Every structure is written in C-alpha cells, then in structure tokens.
Amino acid sequence: MVLDDRLVISDKAEVDRLLDKEPGLAVLVDEAIAQLINFIPDAHLRLEFLTDPDYEDGEQLFLGVSTRLQDDQALEALHRFDQEWWVNHVHRAHGLLCIDLSNE
C-alpha cells in the first residue's frame, strides 16, 4: 500500500484485517490513490474502516479526500476522477470501498 505523508490510516488494525481478507482491495486502493493524486494533486487522504451495525457483514473502507481547492473545484475534480477512472473500476471493490471528499 502506498504510504507517504499524503495518506493517514485510521483504525490500522481493522484496515489491515479487511485488506488481508480481500487482497484485491489493497491493489484497488493503491490504484485509486495514484489516480486521485493525478486528478487532485494536493490531495490528502484518510483511509478508515467503517462498520454498519444494521448489517452483519457491513464492513467497508472509506477513502476520504481533502484538498485546498474551493468546494466547487474539488467536487469537479472528484467528478472527473469518478467518470474517467472510478466508474470503470468500482466493480472490483465489491461494495467494500467508498471514496468521497472529506473535511480533514
């Protein structure tokens, strides 16, 4: 996994457990990070483990993107990422990865 000063991992033990359980997810997260940095060069990323208590297997990772871009510019950059890359790869996540802007 790409580890540099742009990426912070919260709940590292849980993130690692899910990535070990779903090895293809680790590859996808790496690729998504590289693509996000192409679309949002000043991106800072936070990878978090989330659970949904309403579902027994409701685990997923959230890749939050923060930037100094103005809100409309950040939304446009994320939309370009979605349309030009994520839409072609989201099926590989099997519902286990959500990528969105964050306020951090």
PDB file of N, CA and C in Angstrom:
ATOM      1  N   MET A   1       0.835  -1.183   0.000  1.00  0.00           N
ATOM      2  CA  MET A   1       0.000   0.000   0.000  1.00  0.00           C
ATOM      3  C   MET A   1       0.876   1.241   0.000  1.00  0.00           C
ATOM      4  N   VAL A   2       0.445   2.235  -0.759  1.00  0.00           N
ATOM      5  CA  VAL A   2       1.151   3.498  -0.826  1.00  0.00           C
ATOM      6  C   VAL A   2       1.122   4.144   0.551  1.00  0.00           C
ATOM      7  N   LEU A   3       2.275   4.394   1.107  1.00  0.00           N
ATOM      8  CA  LEU A   3       2.346   5.071   2.399  1.00  0.00           C
ATOM      9  C   LEU A   3       3.290   6.253   2.258  1.00  0.00           C
ATOM     10  N   ASP A   4       2.744   7.422   2.283  1.00  0.00           N
ATOM     11  CA  ASP A   4       3.565   8.625   2.311  1.00  0.00           C
ATOM     12  C   ASP A   4       2.841   9.654   3.159  1.00  0.00           C
ATOM     13  N   ASP A   5       3.320  10.876   3.149  1.00  0.00           N
ATOM     14  CA  ASP A   5       2.727  11.889   4.019  1.00  0.00           C
ATOM     15  C   ASP A   5       1.334  12.332   3.565  1.00  0.00           C
ATOM     16  N   ARG A   6       0.872  11.868   2.418  1.00  0.00           N
ATOM     17  CA  ARG A   6      -0.471  12.213   1.950  1.00  0.00           C
ATOM     18  C   ARG A   6      -1.551  11.303   2.523  1.00  0.00           C
ATOM     19  N   LEU A   7      -1.157  10.133   3.011  1.00  0.00           N
ATOM     20  CA  LEU A   7      -2.133   9.127   3.446  1.00  0.00           C
ATOM     21  C   LEU A   7      -2.021   8.880   4.943  1.00  0.00           C
ATOM     22  N   VAL A   8      -3.161   8.976   5.607  1.00  0.00           N
ATOM     23  CA  VAL A   8      -3.273   8.631   7.018  1.00  0.00           C
ATOM     24  C   VAL A   8      -4.236   7.457   7.099  1.00  0.00           C
ATOM     25  N   ILE A   9      -3.876   6.463   7.880  1.00  0.00           N
ATOM     26  CA  ILE A   9      -4.755   5.306   8.056  1.00  0.00           C
ATOM     27  C   ILE A   9      -5.291   5.322   9.477  1.00  0.00           C
ATOM     28  N   SER A  10      -6.604   5.375   9.595  1.00  0.00           N
ATOM     29  CA  SER A  10      -7.259   5.290  10.896  1.00  0.00           C
ATOM     30  C   SER A  10      -7.629   3.830  11.135  1.00  0.00           C
ATOM     31  N   ASP A  11      -7.658   3.428  12.383  1.00  0.00           N
ATOM     32  CA  ASP A  11      -8.023   2.042  12.718  1.00  0.00           C
ATOM     33  C   ASP A  11      -7.184   1.050  11.906  1.00  0.00           C
ATOM     34  N   LYS A  12      -5.863   1.251  11.933  1.00  0.00           N
ATOM     35  CA  LYS A  12      -4.952   0.476  11.083  1.00  0.00           C
ATOM     36  C   LYS A  12      -5.143  -1.034  11.212  1.00  0.00           C
ATOM     37  N   ALA A  13      -5.352  -1.528  12.424  1.00  0.00           N
ATOM     38  CA  ALA A  13      -5.517  -2.978  12.610  1.00  0.00           C
ATOM     39  C   ALA A  13      -6.735  -3.483  11.847  1.00  0.00           C
ATOM     40  N   GLU A  14      -7.830  -2.742  11.903  1.00  0.00           N
ATOM     41  CA  GLU A  14      -9.057  -3.151  11.198  1.00  0.00           C
ATOM     42  C   GLU A  14      -8.897  -2.988   9.688  1.00  0.00           C
ATOM     43  N   VAL A  15      -8.256  -1.911   9.258  1.00  0.00           N
ATOM     44  CA  VAL A  15      -7.999  -1.722   7.823  1.00  0.00           C
ATOM     45  C   VAL A  15      -7.154  -2.883   7.303  1.00  0.00           C
ATOM     46  N   ASP A  16      -6.074  -3.203   8.016  1.00  0.00           N
ATOM     47  CA  ASP A  16      -5.197  -4.304   7.597  1.00  0.00           C
ATOM     48  C   ASP A  16      -5.945  -5.631   7.568  1.00  0.00           C
ATOM     49  N   ARG A  17      -6.802  -5.866   8.557  1.00  0.00           N
ATOM     50  CA  ARG A  17      -7.567  -7.118   8.605  1.00  0.00           C
ATOM     51  C   ARG A  17      -8.452  -7.252   7.374  1.00  0.00           C
ATOM     52  N   LEU A  18      -9.157  -6.174   7.005  1.00  0.00           N
ATOM     53  CA  LEU A  18     -10.035  -6.238   5.838  1.00  0.00           C
ATOM     54  C   LEU A  18      -9.221  -6.382   4.555  1.00  0.00           C
ATOM     55  N   LEU A  19      -8.090  -5.694   4.463  1.00  0.00           N
ATOM     56  CA  LEU A  19      -7.250  -5.816   3.264  1.00  0.00           C
ATOM     57  C   LEU A  19      -6.643  -7.208   3.145  1.00  0.00           C
ATOM     58  N   ASP A  20      -6.309  -7.825   4.278  1.00  0.00           N
ATOM     59  CA  ASP A  20      -5.801  -9.207   4.247  1.00  0.00           C
ATOM     60  C   ASP A  20      -6.892 -10.169   3.798  1.00  0.00           C
ATOM     61  N   LYS A  21      -8.109  -9.910   4.235  1.00  0.00           N
ATOM     62  CA  LYS A  21      -9.262 -10.751   3.893  1.00  0.00           C
ATOM     63  C   LYS A  21      -9.640 -10.600   2.418  1.00  0.00           C
ATOM     64  N   GLU A  22      -9.407  -9.405   1.866  1.00  0.00           N
ATOM     65  CA  GLU A  22      -9.766  -9.079   0.475  1.00  0.00           C
ATOM     66  C   GLU A  22      -8.527  -8.531  -0.239  1.00  0.00           C
ATOM     67  N   PRO A  23      -7.582  -9.390  -0.640  1.00  0.00           N
ATOM     68  CA  PRO A  23      -6.312  -8.905  -1.203  1.00  0.00           C
ATOM     69  C   PRO A  23      -6.460  -8.011  -2.437  1.00  0.00           C
ATOM     70  N   GLY A  24      -7.451  -8.247  -3.243  1.00  0.00           N
ATOM     71  CA  GLY A  24      -7.658  -7.400  -4.418  1.00  0.00           C
ATOM     72  C   GLY A  24      -8.019  -5.980  -4.044  1.00  0.00           C
ATOM     73  N   LEU A  25      -8.571  -5.811  -2.867  1.00  0.00           N
ATOM     74  CA  LEU A  25      -8.958  -4.483  -2.398  1.00  0.00           C
ATOM     75  C   LEU A  25      -7.725  -3.615  -2.153  1.00  0.00           C
ATOM     76  N   ALA A  26      -6.657  -4.206  -1.630  1.00  0.00           N
ATOM     77  CA  ALA A  26      -5.423  -3.452  -1.386  1.00  0.00           C
ATOM     78  C   ALA A  26      -4.861  -2.897  -2.699  1.00  0.00           C
ATOM     79  N   VAL A  27      -4.883  -3.707  -3.735  1.00  0.00           N
ATOM     80  CA  VAL A  27      -4.408  -3.271  -5.055  1.00  0.00           C
ATOM     81  C   VAL A  27      -5.280  -2.129  -5.561  1.00  0.00           C
ATOM     82  N   LEU A  28      -6.583  -2.271  -5.411  1.00  0.00           N
ATOM     83  CA  LEU A  28      -7.514  -1.238  -5.869  1.00  0.00           C
ATOM     84  C   LEU A  28      -7.305   0.064  -5.110  1.00  0.00           C
ATOM     85  N   VAL A  29      -7.113  -0.018  -3.802  1.00  0.00           N
ATOM     86  CA  VAL A  29      -6.875   1.191  -3.010  1.00  0.00           C
ATOM     87  C   VAL A  29      -5.607   1.885  -3.486  1.00  0.00           C
ATOM     88  N   ASP A  30      -4.541   1.135  -3.725  1.00  0.00           N
ATOM     89  CA  ASP A  30      -3.295   1.719  -4.245  1.00  0.00           C
ATOM     90  C   ASP A  30      -3.534   2.441  -5.570  1.00  0.00           C
ATOM     91  N   GLU A  31      -4.242   1.779  -6.468  1.00  0.00           N
ATOM     92  CA  GLU A  31      -4.513   2.375  -7.775  1.00  0.00           C
ATOM     93  C   GLU A  31      -5.377   3.622  -7.638  1.00  0.00           C
ATOM     94  N   ALA A  32      -6.376   3.564  -6.776  1.00  0.00           N
ATOM     95  CA  ALA A  32      -7.265   4.712  -6.568  1.00  0.00           C
ATOM     96  C   ALA A  32      -6.486   5.901  -6.014  1.00  0.00           C
ATOM     97  N   ILE A  33      -5.588   5.641  -5.075  1.00  0.00           N
ATOM     98  CA  ILE A  33      -4.769   6.716  -4.511  1.00  0.00           C
ATOM     99  C   ILE A  33      -3.940   7.382  -5.603  1.00  0.00           C
ATOM    100  N   ALA A  34      -3.293   6.589  -6.423  1.00  0.00           N
ATOM    101  CA  ALA A  34      -2.475   7.138  -7.508  1.00  0.00           C
ATOM    102  C   ALA A  34      -3.323   7.982  -8.457  1.00  0.00           C
ATOM    103  N   GLN A  35      -4.514   7.490  -8.787  1.00  0.00           N
ATOM    104  CA  GLN A  35      -5.402   8.232  -9.685  1.00  0.00           C
ATOM    105  C   GLN A  35      -5.912   9.519  -9.035  1.00  0.00           C
ATOM    106  N   LEU A  36      -6.290   9.434  -7.769  1.00  0.00           N
ATOM    107  CA  LEU A  36      -6.772  10.633  -7.077  1.00  0.00           C
ATOM    108  C   LEU A  36      -5.722  11.728  -7.075  1.00  0.00           C
ATOM    109  N   ILE A  37      -4.466  11.349  -6.862  1.00  0.00           N
ATOM    110  CA  ILE A  37      -3.383  12.336  -6.857  1.00  0.00           C
ATOM    111  C   ILE A  37      -3.197  12.945  -8.247  1.00  0.00           C
ATOM    112  N   ASN A  38      -3.482  12.168  -9.290  1.00  0.00           N
ATOM    113  CA  ASN A  38      -3.433  12.729 -10.652  1.00  0.00           C
ATOM    114  C   ASN A  38      -4.524  13.776 -10.858  1.00  0.00           C
ATOM    115  N   PHE A  39      -5.705  13.514 -10.340  1.00  0.00           N
ATOM    116  CA  PHE A  39      -6.834  14.423 -10.522  1.00  0.00           C
ATOM    117  C   PHE A  39      -6.829  15.569  -9.518  1.00  0.00           C
ATOM    118  N   ILE A  40      -6.299  15.320  -8.314  1.00  0.00           N
ATOM    119  CA  ILE A  40      -6.262  16.331  -7.248  1.00  0.00           C
ATOM    120  C   ILE A  40      -4.841  16.325  -6.676  1.00  0.00           C
ATOM    121  N   PRO A  41      -3.917  17.048  -7.321  1.00  0.00           N
ATOM    122  CA  PRO A  41      -2.501  16.963  -6.944  1.00  0.00           C
ATOM    123  C   PRO A  41      -2.193  17.290  -5.480  1.00  0.00           C
ATOM    124  N   ASP A  42      -2.979  18.130  -4.837  1.00  0.00           N
ATOM    125  CA  ASP A  42      -2.688  18.474  -3.438  1.00  0.00           C
ATOM    126  C   ASP A  42      -3.493  17.615  -2.453  1.00  0.00           C
ATOM    127  N   ALA A  43      -4.044  16.519  -2.944  1.00  0.00           N
ATOM    128  CA  ALA A  43      -4.916  15.670  -2.115  1.00  0.00           C
ATOM    129  C   ALA A  43      -4.182  15.137  -0.887  1.00  0.00           C
ATOM    130  N   HIS A  44      -4.905  15.159   0.216  1.00  0.00           N
ATOM    131  CA  HIS A  44      -4.510  14.453   1.431  1.00  0.00           C
ATOM    132  C   HIS A  44      -5.597  13.423   1.662  1.00  0.00           C
ATOM    133  N   LEU A  45      -5.190  12.211   1.984  1.00  0.00           N
ATOM    134  CA  LEU A  45      -6.121  11.086   2.006  1.00  0.00           C
ATOM    135  C   LEU A  45      -6.160  10.445   3.382  1.00  0.00           C
ATOM    136  N   ARG A  46      -7.347   9.991   3.759  1.00  0.00           N
ATOM    137  CA  ARG A  46      -7.531   9.267   5.017  1.00  0.00           C
ATOM    138  C   ARG A  46      -8.289   7.987   4.698  1.00  0.00           C
ATOM    139  N   LEU A  47      -7.673   6.858   5.033  1.00  0.00           N
ATOM    140  CA  LEU A  47      -8.302   5.556   4.834  1.00  0.00           C
ATOM    141  C   LEU A  47      -8.827   5.090   6.193  1.00  0.00           C
ATOM    142  N   GLU A  48     -10.124   4.856   6.253  1.00  0.00           N
ATOM    143  CA  GLU A  48     -10.773   4.491   7.507  1.00  0.00           C
ATOM    144  C   GLU A  48     -11.569   3.215   7.352  1.00  0.00           C
ATOM    145  N   PHE A  49     -11.677   2.480   8.426  1.00  0.00           N
ATOM    146  CA  PHE A  49     -12.517   1.287   8.496  1.00  0.00           C
ATOM    147  C   PHE A  49     -13.861   1.708   9.068  1.00  0.00           C
ATOM    148  N   LEU A  50     -14.932   1.328   8.382  1.00  0.00           N
ATOM    149  CA  LEU A  50     -16.282   1.661   8.828  1.00  0.00           C
ATOM    150  C   LEU A  50     -17.113   0.388   8.953  1.00  0.00           C
ATOM    151  N   THR A  51     -18.034   0.399   9.889  1.00  0.00           N
ATOM    152  CA  THR A  51     -18.987  -0.703  10.002  1.00  0.00           C
ATOM    153  C   THR A  51     -20.391  -0.144  10.003  1.00  0.00           C
ATOM    154  N   ASP A  52     -21.302  -0.935   9.513  1.00  0.00           N
ATOM    155  CA  ASP A  52     -22.717  -0.600   9.556  1.00  0.00           C
ATOM    156  C   ASP A  52     -23.375  -1.596  10.493  1.00  0.00           C
ATOM    157  N   PRO A  53     -23.773  -1.157  11.673  1.00  0.00           N
ATOM    158  CA  PRO A  53     -24.326  -2.085  12.663  1.00  0.00           C
ATOM    159  C   PRO A  53     -25.626  -2.755  12.215  1.00  0.00           C
ATOM    160  N   ASP A  54     -26.261  -2.239  11.178  1.00  0.00           N
ATOM    161  CA  ASP A  54     -27.513  -2.831  10.694  1.00  0.00           C
ATOM    162  C   ASP A  54     -27.274  -4.061   9.820  1.00  0.00           C
ATOM    163  N   TYR A  55     -26.020  -4.285   9.419  1.00  0.00           N
ATOM    164  CA  TYR A  55     -25.708  -5.418   8.558  1.00  0.00           C
ATOM    165  C   TYR A  55     -24.595  -6.237   9.196  1.00  0.00           C
ATOM    166  N   GLU A  56     -24.765  -7.547   9.190  1.00  0.00           N
ATOM    167  CA  GLU A  56     -23.784  -8.437   9.812  1.00  0.00           C
ATOM    168  C   GLU A  56     -22.401  -8.269   9.182  1.00  0.00           C
ATOM    169  N   ASP A  57     -22.341  -8.233   7.868  1.00  0.00           N
ATOM    170  CA  ASP A  57     -21.062  -8.075   7.162  1.00  0.00           C
ATOM    171  C   ASP A  57     -20.922  -6.653   6.624  1.00  0.00           C
ATOM    172  N   GLY A  58     -21.372  -5.671   7.372  1.00  0.00           N
ATOM    173  CA  GLY A  58     -21.388  -4.290   6.905  1.00  0.00           C
ATOM    174  C   GLY A  58     -20.072  -3.566   7.077  1.00  0.00           C
ATOM    175  N   GLU A  59     -18.987  -4.193   6.659  1.00  0.00           N
ATOM    176  CA  GLU A  59     -17.671  -3.569   6.762  1.00  0.00           C
ATOM    177  C   GLU A  59     -17.310  -2.941   5.418  1.00  0.00           C
ATOM    178  N   GLN A  60     -16.621  -1.798   5.491  1.00  0.00           N
ATOM    179  CA  GLN A  60     -16.086  -1.208   4.275  1.00  0.00           C
ATOM    180  C   GLN A  60     -15.001  -0.209   4.657  1.00  0.00           C
ATOM    181  N   LEU A  61     -14.238   0.170   3.649  1.00  0.00           N
ATOM    182  CA  LEU A  61     -13.228   1.195   3.822  1.00  0.00           C
ATOM    183  C   LEU A  61     -13.733   2.484   3.205  1.00  0.00           C
ATOM    184  N   PHE A  62     -13.399   3.581   3.860  1.00  0.00           N
ATOM    185  CA  PHE A  62     -13.723   4.909   3.349  1.00  0.00           C
ATOM    186  C   PHE A  62     -12.412   5.612   3.056  1.00  0.00           C
ATOM    187  N   LEU A  63     -12.238   6.040   1.820  1.00  0.00           N
ATOM    188  CA  LEU A  63     -11.072   6.807   1.418  1.00  0.00           C
ATOM    189  C   LEU A  63     -11.513   8.256   1.264  1.00  0.00           C
ATOM    190  N   GLY A  64     -11.220   9.039   2.291  1.00  0.00           N
ATOM    191  CA  GLY A  64     -11.611  10.441   2.303  1.00  0.00           C
ATOM    192  C   GLY A  64     -10.535  11.301   1.674  1.00  0.00           C
ATOM    193  N   VAL A  65     -10.953  12.245   0.855  1.00  0.00           N
ATOM    194  CA  VAL A  65     -10.040  13.121   0.121  1.00  0.00           C
ATOM    195  C   VAL A  65     -10.246  14.550   0.612  1.00  0.00           C
ATOM    196  N   SER A  66      -9.193  15.167   1.092  1.00  0.00           N
ATOM    197  CA  SER A  66      -9.275  16.588   1.431  1.00  0.00           C
ATOM    198  C   SER A  66      -8.290  17.343   0.550  1.00  0.00           C
ATOM    199  N   THR A  67      -8.630  18.592   0.270  1.00  0.00           N
ATOM    200  CA  THR A  67      -7.851  19.415  -0.640  1.00  0.00           C
ATOM    201  C   THR A  67      -8.036  20.882  -0.277  1.00  0.00           C
ATOM    202  N   ARG A  68      -7.125  21.700  -0.752  1.00  0.00           N
ATOM    203  CA  ARG A  68      -7.262  23.144  -0.550  1.00  0.00           C
ATOM    204  C   ARG A  68      -8.074  23.793  -1.676  1.00  0.00           C
ATOM    205  N   LEU A  69      -8.502  23.001  -2.639  1.00  0.00           N
ATOM    206  CA  LEU A  69      -9.334  23.545  -3.714  1.00  0.00           C
ATOM    207  C   LEU A  69     -10.638  24.086  -3.144  1.00  0.00           C
ATOM    208  N   GLN A  70     -11.202  25.052  -3.828  1.00  0.00           N
ATOM    209  CA  GLN A  70     -12.537  25.543  -3.463  1.00  0.00           C
ATOM    210  C   GLN A  70     -13.528  24.396  -3.610  1.00  0.00           C
ATOM    211  N   ASP A  71     -14.627  24.444  -2.871  1.00  0.00           N
ATOM    212  CA  ASP A  71     -15.583  23.336  -2.871  1.00  0.00           C
ATOM    213  C   ASP A  71     -16.024  22.932  -4.277  1.00  0.00           C
ATOM    214  N   ASP A  72     -16.372  23.899  -5.115  1.00  0.00           N
ATOM    215  CA  ASP A  72     -16.839  23.559  -6.460  1.00  0.00           C
ATOM    216  C   ASP A  72     -15.725  22.943  -7.304  1.00  0.00           C
ATOM    217  N   GLN A  73     -14.490  23.414  -7.134  1.00  0.00           N
ATOM    218  CA  GLN A  73     -13.367  22.835  -7.871  1.00  0.00           C
ATOM    219  C   GLN A  73     -13.060  21.423  -7.383  1.00  0.00           C
ATOM    220  N   ALA A  74     -13.159  21.211  -6.079  1.00  0.00           N
ATOM    221  CA  ALA A  74     -12.909  19.880  -5.520  1.00  0.00           C
ATOM    222  C   ALA A  74     -13.972  18.897  -6.007  1.00  0.00           C
ATOM    223  N   LEU A  75     -15.219  19.323  -6.006  1.00  0.00           N
ATOM    224  CA  LEU A  75     -16.296  18.458  -6.495  1.00  0.00           C
ATOM    225  C   LEU A  75     -16.112  18.129  -7.969  1.00  0.00           C
ATOM    226  N   GLU A  76     -15.704  19.117  -8.755  1.00  0.00           N
ATOM    227  CA  GLU A  76     -15.471  18.890 -10.185  1.00  0.00           C
ATOM    228  C   GLU A  76     -14.319  17.912 -10.397  1.00  0.00           C
ATOM    229  N   ALA A  77     -13.243  18.056  -9.641  1.00  0.00           N
ATOM    230  CA  ALA A  77     -12.096  17.151  -9.773  1.00  0.00           C
ATOM    231  C   ALA A  77     -12.496  15.729  -9.379  1.00  0.00           C
ATOM    232  N   LEU A  78     -13.265  15.591  -8.304  1.00  0.00           N
ATOM    233  CA  LEU A  78     -13.717  14.261  -7.891  1.00  0.00           C
ATOM    234  C   LEU A  78     -14.673  13.676  -8.929  1.00  0.00           C
ATOM    235  N   HIS A  79     -15.504  14.506  -9.509  1.00  0.00           N
ATOM    236  CA  HIS A  79     -16.415  14.038 -10.570  1.00  0.00           C
ATOM    237  C   HIS A  79     -15.612  13.526 -11.778  1.00  0.00           C
ATOM    238  N   ARG A  80     -14.557  14.239 -12.139  1.00  0.00           N
ATOM    239  CA  ARG A  80     -13.704  13.775 -13.255  1.00  0.00           C
ATOM    240  C   ARG A  80     -13.065  12.436 -12.904  1.00  0.00           C
ATOM    241  N   PHE A  81     -12.557  12.308 -11.667  1.00  0.00           N
ATOM    242  CA  PHE A  81     -11.997  11.030 -11.204  1.00  0.00           C
ATOM    243  C   PHE A  81     -13.049   9.932 -11.343  1.00  0.00           C
ATOM    244  N   ASP A  82     -14.271  10.212 -10.864  1.00  0.00           N
ATOM    245  CA  ASP A  82     -15.353   9.227 -10.933  1.00  0.00           C
ATOM    246  C   ASP A  82     -15.621   8.799 -12.370  1.00  0.00           C
ATOM    247  N   GLN A  83     -15.770   9.767 -13.255  1.00  0.00           N
ATOM    248  CA  GLN A  83     -16.144   9.482 -14.638  1.00  0.00           C
ATOM    249  C   GLN A  83     -15.022   8.859 -15.464  1.00  0.00           C
ATOM    250  N   GLU A  84     -13.810   9.304 -15.219  1.00  0.00           N
ATOM    251  CA  GLU A  84     -12.697   8.854 -16.056  1.00  0.00           C
ATOM    252  C   GLU A  84     -11.985   7.615 -15.519  1.00  0.00           C
ATOM    253  N   TRP A  85     -12.149   7.320 -14.216  1.00  0.00           N
ATOM    254  CA  TRP A  85     -11.448   6.155 -13.677  1.00  0.00           C
ATOM    255  C   TRP A  85     -12.334   5.277 -12.801  1.00  0.00           C
ATOM    256  N   TRP A  86     -12.926   5.831 -11.767  1.00  0.00           N
ATOM    257  CA  TRP A  86     -13.636   5.026 -10.769  1.00  0.00           C
ATOM    258  C   TRP A  86     -14.792   4.229 -11.369  1.00  0.00           C
ATOM    259  N   VAL A  87     -15.543   4.821 -12.276  1.00  0.00           N
ATOM    260  CA  VAL A  87     -16.684   4.118 -12.873  1.00  0.00           C
ATOM    261  C   VAL A  87     -16.244   2.818 -13.562  1.00  0.00           C
ATOM    262  N   ASN A  88     -15.018   2.775 -14.041  1.00  0.00           N
ATOM    263  CA  ASN A  88     -14.501   1.577 -14.712  1.00  0.00           C
ATOM    264  C   ASN A  88     -13.912   0.556 -13.748  1.00  0.00           C
ATOM    265  N   HIS A  89     -13.764   0.919 -12.471  1.00  0.00           N
ATOM    266  CA  HIS A  89     -13.105   0.037 -11.510  1.00  0.00           C
ATOM    267  C   HIS A  89     -13.929  -0.243 -10.260  1.00  0.00           C
ATOM    268  N   VAL A  90     -15.029   0.463 -10.075  1.00  0.00           N
ATOM    269  CA  VAL A  90     -15.821   0.328  -8.846  1.00  0.00           C
ATOM    270  C   VAL A  90     -16.290  -1.105  -8.622  1.00  0.00           C
ATOM    271  N   HIS A  91     -16.552  -1.852  -9.686  1.00  0.00           N
ATOM    272  CA  HIS A  91     -16.999  -3.246  -9.545  1.00  0.00           C
ATOM    273  C   HIS A  91     -15.975  -4.106  -8.814  1.00  0.00           C
ATOM    274  N   ARG A  92     -14.699  -3.745  -8.923  1.00  0.00           N
ATOM    275  CA  ARG A  92     -13.638  -4.501  -8.255  1.00  0.00           C
ATOM    276  C   ARG A  92     -13.685  -4.348  -6.736  1.00  0.00           C
ATOM    277  N   ALA A  93     -14.362  -3.313  -6.251  1.00  0.00           N
ATOM    278  CA  ALA A  93     -14.433  -3.050  -4.812  1.00  0.00           C
ATOM    279  C   ALA A  93     -15.454  -3.940  -4.107  1.00  0.00           C
ATOM    280  N   HIS A  94     -16.385  -4.515  -4.860  1.00  0.00           N
ATOM    281  CA  HIS A  94     -17.413  -5.388  -4.288  1.00  0.00           C
ATOM    282  C   HIS A  94     -18.131  -4.717  -3.113  1.00  0.00           C
ATOM    283  N   GLY A  95     -18.341  -3.403  -3.229  1.00  0.00           N
ATOM    284  CA  GLY A  95     -19.048  -2.667  -2.191  1.00  0.00           C
ATOM    285  C   GLY A  95     -18.229  -2.400  -0.942  1.00  0.00           C
ATOM    286  N   LEU A  96     -16.932  -2.662  -0.986  1.00  0.00           N
ATOM    287  CA  LEU A  96     -16.091  -2.541   0.207  1.00  0.00           C
ATOM    288  C   LEU A  96     -15.270  -1.258   0.259  1.00  0.00           C
ATOM    289  N   LEU A  97     -15.427  -0.376  -0.734  1.00  0.00           N
ATOM    290  CA  LEU A  97     -14.651   0.868  -0.751  1.00  0.00           C
ATOM    291  C   LEU A  97     -15.528   2.018  -1.197  1.00  0.00           C
ATOM    292  N   CYS A  98     -15.527   3.056  -0.397  1.00  0.00           N
ATOM    293  CA  CYS A  98     -16.235   4.293  -0.717  1.00  0.00           C
ATOM    294  C   CYS A  98     -15.190   5.395  -0.790  1.00  0.00           C
ATOM    295  N   ILE A  99     -15.279   6.214  -1.822  1.00  0.00           N
ATOM    296  CA  ILE A  99     -14.337   7.327  -1.997  1.00  0.00           C
ATOM    297  C   ILE A  99     -15.149   8.609  -2.111  1.00  0.00           C
ATOM    298  N   ASP A 100     -14.792   9.585  -1.277  1.00  0.00           N
ATOM    299  CA  ASP A 100     -15.518  10.855  -1.307  1.00  0.00           C
ATOM    300  C   ASP A 100     -14.662  11.943  -0.687  1.00  0.00           C
ATOM    301  N   LEU A 101     -15.111  13.186  -0.849  1.00  0.00           N
ATOM    302  CA  LEU A 101     -14.426  14.301  -0.220  1.00  0.00           C
ATOM    303  C   LEU A 101     -14.640  14.237   1.290  1.00  0.00           C
ATOM    304  N   SER A 102     -13.667  14.732   2.016  1.00  0.00           N
ATOM    305  CA  SER A 102     -13.810  14.838   3.472  1.00  0.00           C
ATOM    306  C   SER A 102     -13.307  16.211   3.897  1.00  0.00           C
ATOM    307  N   ASN A 103     -13.612  16.582   5.117  1.00  0.00           N
ATOM    308  CA  ASN A 103     -13.244  17.910   5.622  1.00  0.00           C
ATOM    309  C   ASN A 103     -11.972  17.912   6.426  1.00  0.00           C
ATOM    310  N   GLU A 104     -11.189  16.875   6.348  1.00  0.00           N
ATOM    311  CA  GLU A 104      -9.995  16.812   7.195  1.00  0.00           C
ATOM    312  C   GLU A 104      -8.789  17.378   6.530  1.00  0.00           C
TER     313      GLU A 104
END
